[in-house]
Protein backbone atom coordinates (compact mmCIF):
# COMPACT_ATOMS: atom_id res chain seq x y z
CA MET A 1 93.22 1.82 128.00
CA ASN A 2 91.49 4.39 125.80
CA LYS A 3 88.06 3.18 126.89
CA ILE A 4 89.02 3.55 130.55
CA PHE A 5 89.89 7.19 130.00
CA ILE A 6 86.71 7.91 128.08
CA ILE A 7 84.79 6.65 131.13
CA LEU A 8 87.02 8.79 133.32
CA SER A 9 86.23 11.87 131.22
CA ILE A 10 82.50 11.25 131.70
CA LEU A 11 82.97 10.96 135.46
CA LEU A 12 84.89 14.21 135.55
CA ILE A 13 82.18 15.98 133.57
CA SER A 14 79.52 14.83 136.04
CA ASN A 15 81.37 16.63 138.83
CA THR A 16 81.48 19.94 137.02
CA ALA A 17 78.28 21.44 138.47
CA SER A 18 79.38 20.85 142.06
CA ALA A 19 82.90 22.11 141.46
CA ILE A 20 82.17 25.55 140.13
CA SER A 21 79.27 27.87 139.47
CA LEU A 22 80.33 29.92 136.45
CA LYS A 23 77.36 30.76 134.18
CA ASP A 24 79.56 32.25 131.48
CA LEU A 25 81.91 29.24 131.65
CA LYS A 26 78.97 26.90 130.95
CA LYS A 27 78.00 28.95 127.88
CA GLU A 28 81.59 28.92 126.66
CA LEU A 29 81.79 25.13 127.18
CA GLU A 30 78.59 24.63 125.19
CA LYS A 31 79.95 26.87 122.44
CA THR A 32 83.26 25.02 122.45
CA GLY A 33 81.44 21.68 122.39
CA ASN A 34 79.54 22.73 119.26
CA GLU A 35 82.77 23.79 117.58
CA ILE A 36 84.38 20.48 118.48
CA LYS A 37 81.44 18.52 117.09
CA LYS A 38 81.67 20.49 113.85
CA GLU A 39 85.41 19.87 113.65
CA LEU A 40 84.98 16.15 114.24
CA GLU A 41 82.28 15.99 111.56
CA ASN A 42 84.71 17.66 109.16
CA ASN A 43 87.50 15.18 109.87
CA ASN A 44 86.33 12.71 107.23
CA GLN A 45 85.77 15.52 104.71
CA ASP A 46 89.26 16.85 105.36
CA SER A 47 90.93 13.45 105.30
CA SER A 48 92.43 13.95 101.84
CA THR A 49 93.98 17.26 102.90
CA SER A 50 95.14 15.77 106.20
CA GLU A 51 96.67 12.79 104.43
CA SER A 52 98.61 15.00 102.03
CA VAL A 53 100.05 17.05 104.88
CA GLU A 54 101.02 13.94 106.80
CA THR A 55 102.58 12.35 103.70
CA LYS A 56 105.04 15.22 103.49
CA ILE A 57 105.97 14.79 107.12
CA ASP A 58 105.73 11.10 107.93
CA ASN A 59 104.90 9.21 104.73
CA ASN A 60 101.33 8.71 105.98
CA GLU A 61 102.40 6.25 108.64
CA ASP A 62 100.99 6.22 112.16
CA THR A 63 103.97 7.50 114.10
CA THR A 64 104.09 7.10 117.86
CA VAL A 65 107.29 7.97 119.65
CA LYS A 66 108.32 8.83 123.15
CA ASN A 67 109.91 12.17 123.84
CA THR A 68 113.63 11.43 123.94
CA ASN A 69 115.32 14.81 123.62
CA ASN A 70 116.07 17.27 126.39
CA SER A 71 113.94 20.05 124.91
CA GLU A 72 111.12 21.64 126.85
CA PHE A 73 108.78 20.53 124.05
CA ILE A 74 107.68 17.08 122.97
CA ASN A 75 108.65 15.89 119.48
CA LEU A 76 105.78 17.03 117.27
CA PRO A 77 106.13 18.87 113.95
CA LYS A 78 103.68 21.72 114.55
CA SER A 79 102.30 21.48 118.10
CA LYS A 80 104.82 22.69 120.68
CA TYR A 81 103.40 21.16 123.85
CA LEU A 82 105.49 21.45 127.01
CA THR A 83 107.01 18.30 128.44
CA ILE A 84 106.06 17.18 131.93
CA GLU A 85 109.48 18.12 133.26
CA ALA A 86 109.38 21.56 131.63
CA PHE A 87 105.93 22.20 133.13
CA LYS A 88 107.07 21.12 136.59
CA LYS A 89 110.17 23.28 136.36
CA GLY A 90 108.36 26.40 135.18
CA PHE A 91 105.00 26.13 136.96
CA ASP A 92 105.22 24.02 140.14
CA ASN A 93 104.56 26.03 143.33
CA LYS A 94 103.90 29.10 141.21
CA ILE A 95 100.83 31.34 141.06
CA LEU A 96 99.26 31.53 137.61
CA VAL A 97 97.35 34.63 136.54
CA LEU A 98 95.23 33.70 133.53
CA ASN A 99 93.40 35.62 130.84
CA LYS A 100 90.44 34.07 129.03
CA THR A 101 91.18 34.89 125.41
CA SER A 102 87.52 35.39 124.47
CA ASN A 103 87.32 38.26 126.98
CA GLY A 104 90.05 40.25 125.24
CA PRO A 105 93.71 40.71 126.12
CA ASN A 106 93.36 42.99 129.14
CA SER A 107 91.20 40.95 131.50
CA THR A 108 92.42 38.92 134.45
CA ASP A 109 89.93 36.08 134.76
CA LEU A 110 91.40 33.18 136.76
CA ILE A 111 94.10 32.85 139.40
CA LEU A 112 95.33 29.61 140.98
CA LYS A 113 98.46 28.11 142.47
CA ILE A 114 100.02 25.05 140.89
CA LYS A 115 101.11 22.35 143.32
CA ILE A 116 102.09 19.05 141.73
CA ASP A 117 101.90 16.68 144.67
CA GLN A 118 101.73 13.71 142.30
CA LEU A 119 101.11 12.86 138.66
CA SER A 120 97.94 11.13 137.50
CA ASN A 121 97.63 8.06 135.32
CA VAL A 122 95.21 5.22 134.58
CA SER A 123 96.18 3.30 137.71
CA ASN A 124 96.00 6.07 140.33
CA TYR A 125 93.60 8.73 139.06
CA GLU A 126 91.01 8.17 141.82
CA GLN A 127 93.53 9.26 144.46
CA SER A 128 95.83 11.56 142.49
CA GLY A 129 93.71 14.70 142.12
CA VAL A 130 95.06 17.78 143.90
CA ASN A 131 92.59 20.01 145.77
CA THR A 132 93.24 23.55 144.59
CA ASP A 133 91.75 26.95 145.41
CA TYR A 134 90.47 28.53 142.23
CA TYR A 135 89.81 32.29 142.08
CA TYR A 136 87.47 33.65 139.41
CA LYS A 137 85.34 36.68 138.59
CA GLU A 138 81.64 36.68 139.55
CA ASN A 139 79.68 39.79 138.60
CA GLY A 140 82.95 41.65 138.37
CA LYS A 141 84.17 40.60 141.83
CA TRP A 142 86.53 37.85 142.92
CA ALA A 143 85.08 34.60 144.25
CA LYS A 144 86.68 31.31 145.26
CA GLU A 145 85.87 27.65 144.72
CA GLN A 146 87.88 24.54 145.40
CA LEU A 147 88.37 22.18 142.52
CA ILE A 148 90.52 19.18 141.72
CA ILE A 149 93.43 19.36 139.30
CA TYR A 150 94.86 16.31 137.57
CA TYR A 151 98.37 16.40 136.12
CA TRP A 152 98.25 13.57 133.58
CA GLU A 153 101.53 11.83 132.73
CA ASP A 154 100.41 9.10 130.33
CA ALA A 155 98.64 10.98 127.54
CA PHE A 156 99.79 10.85 123.92
CA PHE A 157 99.43 14.30 122.34
CA CYS A 158 98.77 14.30 118.59
CA ASP A 159 99.94 17.00 116.22
CA SER A 160 97.28 19.44 115.02
CA MET A 161 98.43 19.15 111.39
CA ALA A 162 100.29 15.84 111.08
CA ARG A 163 97.49 14.14 112.91
CA LYS A 164 98.98 10.66 112.95
CA ASN A 165 102.03 11.92 114.79
CA CYS A 166 101.35 11.30 118.49
CA VAL A 167 103.93 11.61 121.25
CA SER A 168 103.97 10.85 124.95
CA GLY A 169 105.71 12.94 127.60
CA GLY A 170 103.57 16.07 127.40
CA MET A 171 101.79 17.60 130.39
CA GLY A 172 98.05 16.97 130.48
CA PHE A 173 96.67 19.67 132.78
CA GLN A 174 93.03 19.19 133.78
CA MET A 175 90.80 21.20 136.09
CA ASP A 176 87.66 19.22 136.93
CA ALA A 177 85.46 22.23 136.11
CA PHE A 178 86.27 21.61 132.44
CA ASP A 179 85.35 18.64 130.31
CA TYR A 180 88.63 18.73 128.40
CA ILE A 181 92.32 18.52 129.17
CA PHE A 182 94.74 21.35 128.53
CA GLY A 183 98.00 21.00 126.71
CA VAL A 184 100.46 23.78 127.54
CA MET A 185 102.25 25.60 124.72
CA LYS A 186 104.77 28.38 124.56
CA GLY A 187 104.54 30.70 121.59
CA ASP A 188 105.85 34.05 120.46
CA GLN A 189 105.16 37.18 122.46
CA LYS A 190 102.70 38.69 120.00
CA ASN A 191 99.06 38.71 118.97
CA ILE A 192 97.85 35.96 116.67
CA GLY A 193 94.30 36.77 115.57
CA ASN A 194 92.15 36.73 118.70
CA THR A 195 94.77 34.81 120.67
CA VAL A 196 96.91 37.02 122.86
CA THR A 197 100.03 35.38 124.22
CA SER A 198 101.30 36.17 127.69
CA LYS A 199 104.56 37.88 128.55
CA ALA A 200 106.14 34.44 128.75
CA GLY A 201 104.18 33.17 125.77
CA TYR A 202 102.43 30.33 127.62
CA LYS A 203 98.91 29.39 126.65
CA LEU A 204 96.47 26.61 127.57
CA ILE A 205 95.16 24.66 124.59
CA PRO A 206 91.99 22.55 124.98
CA THR A 207 92.51 18.97 123.84
CA TYR A 208 90.03 16.12 123.59
CA VAL A 209 90.21 12.35 123.60
CA VAL A 210 90.60 11.01 120.07
CA GLN A 211 87.57 8.90 119.19
CA GLU A 212 87.31 5.82 117.01
CA GLY A 213 87.00 6.77 113.35
CA ASP A 214 89.34 9.74 113.67
CA VAL A 215 92.56 9.55 111.65
CA SER A 216 94.53 9.94 114.91
CA TYR A 217 92.79 7.07 116.69
CA ASN A 218 94.76 4.20 118.22
CA PRO A 219 92.87 1.78 120.49
CA GLU A 220 96.02 0.96 122.46
CA GLN A 221 96.72 4.52 123.57
CA TRP A 222 94.97 7.40 125.29
CA ARG A 223 95.40 10.07 122.65
CA LEU A 224 94.56 13.78 122.88
CA ILE A 225 94.33 16.34 120.11
CA SER A 226 93.38 20.00 119.72
CA PRO A 227 89.86 20.43 118.27
CA ASN A 228 91.24 22.74 115.58
CA ARG A 229 94.46 22.96 113.62
CA SER A 230 95.28 26.48 114.79
CA ASN A 231 95.86 25.32 118.37
CA ASP A 232 93.63 28.16 119.61
CA ALA A 233 94.14 29.01 123.26
CA GLU A 234 91.35 29.00 125.83
CA TYR A 235 93.56 30.86 128.35
CA THR A 236 96.86 32.66 128.20
CA VAL A 237 99.19 33.02 131.16
CA ILE A 238 99.53 36.70 132.03
CA GLU A 239 101.90 36.09 134.91
CA ILE A 240 103.79 33.29 136.64
CA SER A 241 104.65 34.46 140.13
CA GLU A 242 105.98 33.38 143.51
CA ASP A 243 104.45 36.45 145.17
CA GLU A 244 102.05 35.08 147.79
CA SER A 245 100.61 38.55 148.32
CA ILE A 246 98.55 37.99 145.14
CA ILE A 247 96.59 35.24 146.91
CA ALA A 248 96.52 37.18 150.19
CA GLN A 249 94.90 40.17 148.49
CA LEU A 250 92.29 37.94 146.85
CA GLU A 251 91.46 36.40 150.22
CA ASN A 252 91.10 39.85 151.79
CA ASP A 253 88.74 40.95 149.01
CA ILE A 254 86.66 37.78 149.29
CA ASN A 255 86.48 37.98 153.08
CA ALA A 256 85.37 41.62 152.88
CA ARG A 257 82.72 40.62 150.38
CA THR A 258 81.55 37.84 152.70
CA VAL A 259 81.16 40.33 155.55
CA GLU A 260 79.28 42.64 153.18
CA LYS A 261 76.94 39.78 152.21
CA VAL A 262 76.16 39.04 155.88
CA GLU A 263 75.41 42.70 156.58
CA THR A 264 73.27 42.96 153.45
CA LYS A 265 71.33 39.86 154.47
CA LYS A 266 70.56 41.36 157.89
CA LYS A 267 69.45 44.61 156.25
CA ASN A 268 67.24 42.74 153.80
CA GLU A 269 65.56 40.83 156.63
CA VAL A 270 64.56 44.15 158.17
CA LEU A 271 63.24 45.42 154.81
CA LYS A 272 61.28 42.21 154.36
CA THR A 273 59.79 42.51 157.86
CA ASN A 274 58.38 45.92 156.96
CA GLN A 275 56.36 44.39 154.12
CA ILE A 276 52.93 42.73 154.51
CA GLY A 277 52.56 39.59 152.45
CA PHE A 278 49.51 38.41 150.50
CA ASN A 279 47.26 35.85 152.17
CA ASN A 280 46.49 34.10 148.90
CA LYS A 281 48.63 33.39 145.86
CA ILE A 282 48.02 35.79 142.99
CA SER A 283 49.20 34.97 139.47
CA LEU A 284 48.85 37.63 136.80
CA GLN A 285 49.44 37.90 133.09
CA CYS A 286 49.55 41.56 132.03
CA ILE A 287 49.38 42.81 128.46
CA TYR A 288 50.97 46.19 127.72
CA THR A 289 50.01 47.78 124.40
CA THR A 290 52.15 50.34 122.55
CA THR A 291 52.19 51.68 119.01
CA ASN A 292 54.76 48.98 118.22
CA GLY A 293 52.50 46.13 119.38
CA SER A 294 51.79 44.22 122.59
CA VAL A 295 54.09 42.90 125.30
CA ILE A 296 53.02 40.17 127.76
CA GLU A 297 54.58 39.91 131.20
CA GLN A 298 53.85 37.48 134.05
CA TYR A 299 54.01 37.98 137.81
CA GLN A 300 53.19 35.94 140.90
CA PHE A 301 52.69 37.04 144.51
CA ASN A 302 52.48 34.47 147.31
CA GLY A 303 52.94 35.69 150.88
CA LYS A 304 56.14 37.74 150.63
CA ASP A 305 57.50 35.68 147.76
CA VAL A 306 57.44 37.21 144.29
CA ILE A 307 58.19 35.86 140.86
CA TRP A 308 58.73 38.76 138.48
CA GLN A 309 59.18 37.65 134.89
CA ASN A 310 60.73 34.35 136.09
CA ILE A 311 63.03 36.13 138.59
CA PRO A 312 62.45 34.89 142.18
CA LEU A 313 62.29 37.85 144.60
CA GLU A 314 60.96 38.86 148.01
CA LEU A 315 58.77 41.87 148.83
CA GLY A 316 60.93 44.80 149.90
CA VAL A 317 64.23 43.04 149.17
CA PRO A 318 66.28 44.50 146.30
CA PHE A 319 67.82 42.15 143.78
CA SER A 320 70.92 43.15 141.84
CA GLU A 321 73.26 41.44 139.42
CA GLY A 322 76.34 43.49 138.69
CA ASP A 323 75.95 47.19 138.05
CA ASP A 324 73.44 46.80 135.24
CA THR A 325 70.48 44.93 136.73
CA PHE A 326 68.34 45.96 139.71
CA VAL A 327 64.79 44.98 140.72
CA LEU A 328 62.78 46.03 143.78
CA VAL A 329 59.15 44.99 144.34
CA THR A 330 57.11 46.52 147.20
CA ARG A 331 53.51 46.45 148.39
CA GLU A 332 51.83 49.60 149.70
CA GLY A 333 50.71 48.54 153.19
CA LYS A 334 47.80 46.08 152.98
CA SER A 335 46.57 47.53 149.70
CA SER A 336 46.34 45.86 146.32
CA ILE A 337 48.98 48.21 144.87
CA ILE A 338 52.34 46.75 143.83
CA LYS A 339 55.22 49.06 142.92
CA THR A 340 58.27 47.80 141.05
CA LYS A 341 61.48 49.59 140.13
CA LEU A 342 63.45 47.89 137.37
CA LYS A 343 66.87 48.95 136.11
CA ASN A 344 68.31 47.21 133.09
CA SER A 345 71.17 48.35 130.81
CA GLY A 346 70.95 51.92 132.09
CA MET A 347 67.18 52.21 131.61
CA ILE A 348 64.92 52.64 134.66
CA ILE A 349 61.27 51.54 134.45
CA ASN A 350 58.70 52.10 137.22
CA TYR A 351 55.69 49.75 137.33
CA THR A 352 52.39 50.12 139.15
CA ILE A 353 50.10 47.07 139.28
CA ASN A 354 46.67 46.90 140.94
CA THR A 355 45.93 43.29 141.84
CA GLN A 356 42.26 44.11 142.55
CA ASN A 357 41.08 46.00 139.45
CA LEU A 358 43.72 44.24 137.31
CA LEU A 359 45.15 47.41 135.78
CA ALA A 360 48.83 48.08 135.24
CA GLU A 361 51.17 50.70 133.83
CA TYR A 362 54.86 51.42 133.50
CA ILE A 363 56.78 54.66 133.03
CA ILE A 364 60.28 54.94 131.58
CA GLU A 365 62.25 57.47 133.61
CA GLY A 366 63.71 60.41 131.73
CA LEU A 367 61.47 59.87 128.69
CA ASN A 368 58.09 60.54 130.37
CA PHE A 369 56.86 57.53 128.40
CA LYS A 370 53.82 55.77 129.91
CA VAL A 371 52.34 52.46 128.79
CA GLN A 372 48.99 51.12 130.03
CA GLY A 373 48.31 47.45 130.65
CA ILE A 374 45.44 45.08 131.41
CA CYS A 375 45.98 41.99 133.58
CA ASN A 376 44.27 38.62 133.85
CA ARG A 377 44.41 36.13 136.67
CA VAL A 378 45.96 32.84 135.61
């Protein structure tokens, strides 16, 4: 059974790129993956410590039990994961407003509505995913993707400290944009290090499939465990709401942004039409020399297409990314003169490049600082 779910995890990972387009999320996943790898490598080194902790709690025996009490938590010594029934009662048909803990306590980063149409398990997972609208921040503005959520009912969650204690009955909450499965915990309403709990205290804890060689491993069960013993949260739940106006407002903002994008595209087409492209492709490598040394930059001009320091652009069409980055490249009529305005982190730099005599310069606005450059065709 465990092998089946390892294969399933790989399949889910392969769908990540098509499900969502978060650059920062990818970086965070890579960072988390490195931390997990380090933790797994330390498992053997920490085995003596782990064994001593488990001895106090369960006499070092592999303990697997089903959740039999009526509590909202499954029966683990240190890891207070919500039961499936508690999750359904508190979250089903509710809107979740989530904060990514690494962004600080005051940011609203993800919003989605939980709708548990069915639970997922080894026998039905191919049909049991629930299509869900997922609202996230992109360059400071709300965007929407549709992803699939799986509500796993047959996972065995293992305790973060007593690692041989593994219990079924907890809610495995997985969005297919992530290569791990969340366990849901409820903690105190206070700050714990960098983890900020929500008003209700709910937080989403990344868990991973226990691999062979780990002290928690059991080949007969699909076991999940937090990658660290602090049960660090990836997201905290800022709000659980039935107010549909939250989603309505997001849709209004996204629709307005879509209209804005269409209008901007039309405007850019006009700007592009006013530019005369190059008949032949020109590739330049320009060396700018200052008292601090030399800087090499590369540009390419082909028709109206431009590649400026690896950024694909079009003549006359501004490129922006958030409020901090702006680039505009223009050609003066049919001449060999290229003008570029670059804004980055509050600094504005104006370039002039002559593609015929292969001379270049840039000036930093406000500082009256000019740097000369020499270009070569490549």
